[in-house]
Amino acid sequence: MPNHYRRPGWFTRNVLNRSIAGLTRLGVSVLGSRVLEVPGRKSGLPRQVPVNLLSFEGANYLVAPRGEAEWVRNVRAAGGHLTLLLGRRRDERTATEVTGADKVPVLRAYLKRWKAEVGMFFDGVGPDSTDEELAAIAPRHPIFALSGSKPGLKA
């Protein structure tokens, strides 16, 4: 399957993402938001983007609703090493990509939590869709399981 990516529009890039990232940097988590910091795969400079941290069945996940986003490529290039920021707290994590059928329950939980915000990127598939429908879209949405959490920084 070719790489799938839906580029954010001007309003999302310049207003929404900046507002969420600004609040998160101040220590205000909007529905589990964090600022993901990862070295750029070309420049090596820190890149930051707001993300939704999903807590599901005792684990934390990052889901890429838009598909093969730049942050996804940077996390892969960094060997999964990333930092989640909330206010002044820096949470060093290691991301392992989730594959195959293991993505289905994570996608369902993600959509249950954030469908109103990101549902348009999932082609009509939602938390009440069948496992087969979720599995059909799963290859277009990278998911990372996170390990290495520091105590006290939960979604």
Protein backbone atom coordinates (compact mmCIF):
# COMPACT_ATOMS: atom_id res chain seq x y z
CA MET A 1 0.00 0.00 0.00
CA PRO A 2 1.44 3.42 -0.93
CA ASN A 3 2.19 5.91 1.82
CA HIS A 4 -0.95 7.66 2.99
CA TYR A 5 -0.86 11.22 4.33
CA ARG A 6 -3.42 13.99 4.67
CA ARG A 7 -1.69 17.34 4.96
CA PRO A 8 -3.21 19.71 7.54
CA GLY A 9 -4.82 22.88 6.27
CA TRP A 10 -3.72 26.41 7.07
CA PHE A 11 -6.07 26.78 10.07
CA THR A 12 -4.91 23.53 11.64
CA ARG A 13 -1.20 24.30 11.11
CA ASN A 14 -1.26 27.94 12.09
CA VAL A 15 -4.02 28.22 14.69
CA LEU A 16 -5.21 24.90 16.12
CA ASN A 17 -1.89 23.04 16.42
CA ARG A 18 -0.12 26.14 17.75
CA SER A 19 -2.86 26.73 20.33
CA ILE A 20 -2.85 23.12 21.56
CA ALA A 21 0.96 23.02 21.62
CA GLY A 22 1.08 26.33 23.51
CA LEU A 23 -1.38 25.15 26.16
CA THR A 24 0.47 21.84 26.50
CA ARG A 25 3.80 23.65 26.93
CA LEU A 26 2.15 25.63 29.72
CA GLY A 27 1.21 22.34 31.41
CA VAL A 28 -2.43 22.19 30.30
CA SER A 29 -3.22 18.85 28.68
CA VAL A 30 -6.18 19.08 26.30
CA LEU A 31 -7.79 15.60 26.41
CA GLY A 32 -4.40 13.90 26.85
CA SER A 33 -2.41 16.15 24.54
CA ARG A 34 1.37 16.22 24.68
CA VAL A 35 4.03 17.87 22.59
CA LEU A 36 6.11 15.23 20.85
CA GLU A 37 9.77 16.15 20.48
CA VAL A 38 11.97 14.08 18.19
CA PRO A 39 15.12 14.86 16.20
CA GLY A 40 14.48 15.71 12.56
CA ARG A 41 15.66 12.86 10.35
CA LYS A 42 17.54 15.22 8.01
CA SER A 43 18.63 18.12 10.21
CA GLY A 44 18.96 16.36 13.57
CA LEU A 45 17.35 19.43 15.14
CA PRO A 46 14.48 18.93 17.63
CA ARG A 47 11.07 18.96 15.97
CA GLN A 48 7.91 19.45 18.00
CA VAL A 49 4.29 18.65 17.21
CA PRO A 50 1.16 18.24 19.36
CA VAL A 51 -0.08 14.64 19.65
CA ASN A 52 -2.85 12.79 21.46
CA LEU A 53 -1.46 10.33 24.01
CA LEU A 54 -3.77 7.33 24.27
CA SER A 55 -3.81 5.24 27.46
CA PHE A 56 -5.34 1.87 26.65
CA GLU A 57 -5.21 -1.40 28.60
CA GLY A 58 -2.34 -0.24 30.78
CA ALA A 59 -0.15 0.99 27.92
CA ASN A 60 0.39 4.30 26.11
CA TYR A 61 0.15 4.76 22.35
CA LEU A 62 0.63 7.40 19.69
CA VAL A 63 -1.60 7.10 16.64
CA ALA A 64 -1.03 9.05 13.41
CA PRO A 65 -4.55 9.96 12.27
CA ARG A 66 -3.24 11.74 9.15
CA GLY A 67 -1.05 8.81 8.13
CA GLU A 68 2.68 8.93 7.30
CA ALA A 69 3.26 12.33 8.90
CA GLU A 70 6.69 13.91 9.30
CA TRP A 71 6.68 13.04 13.00
CA VAL A 72 6.13 9.37 12.12
CA ARG A 73 9.13 9.38 9.78
CA ASN A 74 11.25 11.19 12.37
CA VAL A 75 10.34 8.71 15.13
CA ARG A 76 11.29 5.82 12.86
CA ALA A 77 14.60 7.49 11.91
CA ALA A 78 15.36 8.14 15.60
CA GLY A 79 15.06 4.44 16.37
CA GLY A 80 11.88 5.10 18.32
CA HIS A 81 13.50 7.48 20.81
CA LEU A 82 11.29 10.47 21.57
CA THR A 83 10.30 12.87 24.30
CA LEU A 84 6.79 13.82 25.37
CA LEU A 85 6.43 17.27 26.87
CA LEU A 86 3.78 18.55 29.26
CA GLY A 87 4.65 21.88 30.81
CA ARG A 88 8.22 21.58 32.13
CA ARG A 89 8.04 17.79 32.36
CA ARG A 90 10.06 15.84 29.82
CA ASP A 91 9.10 12.19 29.49
CA GLU A 92 11.70 10.16 27.58
CA ARG A 93 10.08 7.23 25.76
CA THR A 94 10.86 4.49 23.32
CA ALA A 95 8.30 3.84 20.59
CA THR A 96 7.73 0.44 19.02
CA GLU A 97 5.54 0.31 15.94
CA VAL A 98 2.37 -1.76 16.27
CA THR A 99 1.55 -3.92 13.26
CA GLY A 100 -1.13 -6.21 11.89
CA ALA A 101 -4.22 -7.18 13.84
CA ASP A 102 -2.80 -5.63 17.03
CA LYS A 103 -3.69 -2.22 15.58
CA VAL A 104 -7.45 -2.85 15.53
CA PRO A 105 -8.25 -2.52 19.26
CA VAL A 106 -5.92 0.48 19.58
CA LEU A 107 -7.60 2.23 16.64
CA ARG A 108 -11.01 1.49 18.14
CA ALA A 109 -9.97 3.01 21.49
CA TYR A 110 -8.38 6.02 19.76
CA LEU A 111 -11.51 6.70 17.73
CA LYS A 112 -13.71 6.25 20.78
CA ARG A 113 -11.72 8.99 22.52
CA TRP A 114 -11.03 11.42 19.64
CA LYS A 115 -13.45 10.68 16.78
CA ALA A 116 -14.96 14.17 16.99
CA GLU A 117 -11.49 15.65 16.47
CA VAL A 118 -9.94 13.24 13.95
CA GLY A 119 -12.80 11.17 12.51
CA MET A 120 -12.57 12.83 9.10
CA PHE A 121 -9.18 11.15 8.54
CA PHE A 122 -10.59 7.63 8.91
CA ASP A 123 -12.87 7.49 5.86
CA GLY A 124 -16.11 6.94 7.76
CA VAL A 125 -14.70 4.23 10.02
CA GLY A 126 -15.38 4.82 13.71
CA PRO A 127 -15.27 3.13 17.10
CA ASP A 128 -18.43 1.15 16.35
CA SER A 129 -17.14 -0.20 13.03
CA THR A 130 -16.40 -3.88 12.60
CA ASP A 131 -12.94 -5.34 13.17
CA GLU A 132 -12.74 -5.93 9.42
CA GLU A 133 -13.45 -2.26 8.64
CA LEU A 134 -10.84 -1.12 11.16
CA ALA A 135 -8.32 -3.65 9.80
CA ALA A 136 -8.90 -2.32 6.27
CA ILE A 137 -7.83 1.22 7.23
CA ALA A 138 -5.17 0.21 9.77
CA PRO A 139 -2.24 0.16 7.29
CA ARG A 140 -2.80 3.88 6.60
CA HIS A 141 -2.45 4.90 10.26
CA PRO A 142 0.89 4.20 11.99
CA ILE A 143 0.63 3.35 15.68
CA PHE A 144 3.44 3.31 18.23
CA ALA A 145 3.38 1.62 21.64
CA LEU A 146 5.42 3.60 24.15
CA SER A 147 7.67 2.27 26.87
CA GLY A 148 10.00 3.91 29.36
CA SER A 149 7.39 6.08 31.07
CA LYS A 150 8.46 8.12 34.04
CA PRO A 151 6.15 7.91 37.07
CA GLY A 152 3.48 10.58 37.34
CA LEU A 153 3.03 11.44 33.67
CA LYS A 154 -0.15 9.74 32.56
CA ALA A 155 -2.55 10.58 29.74
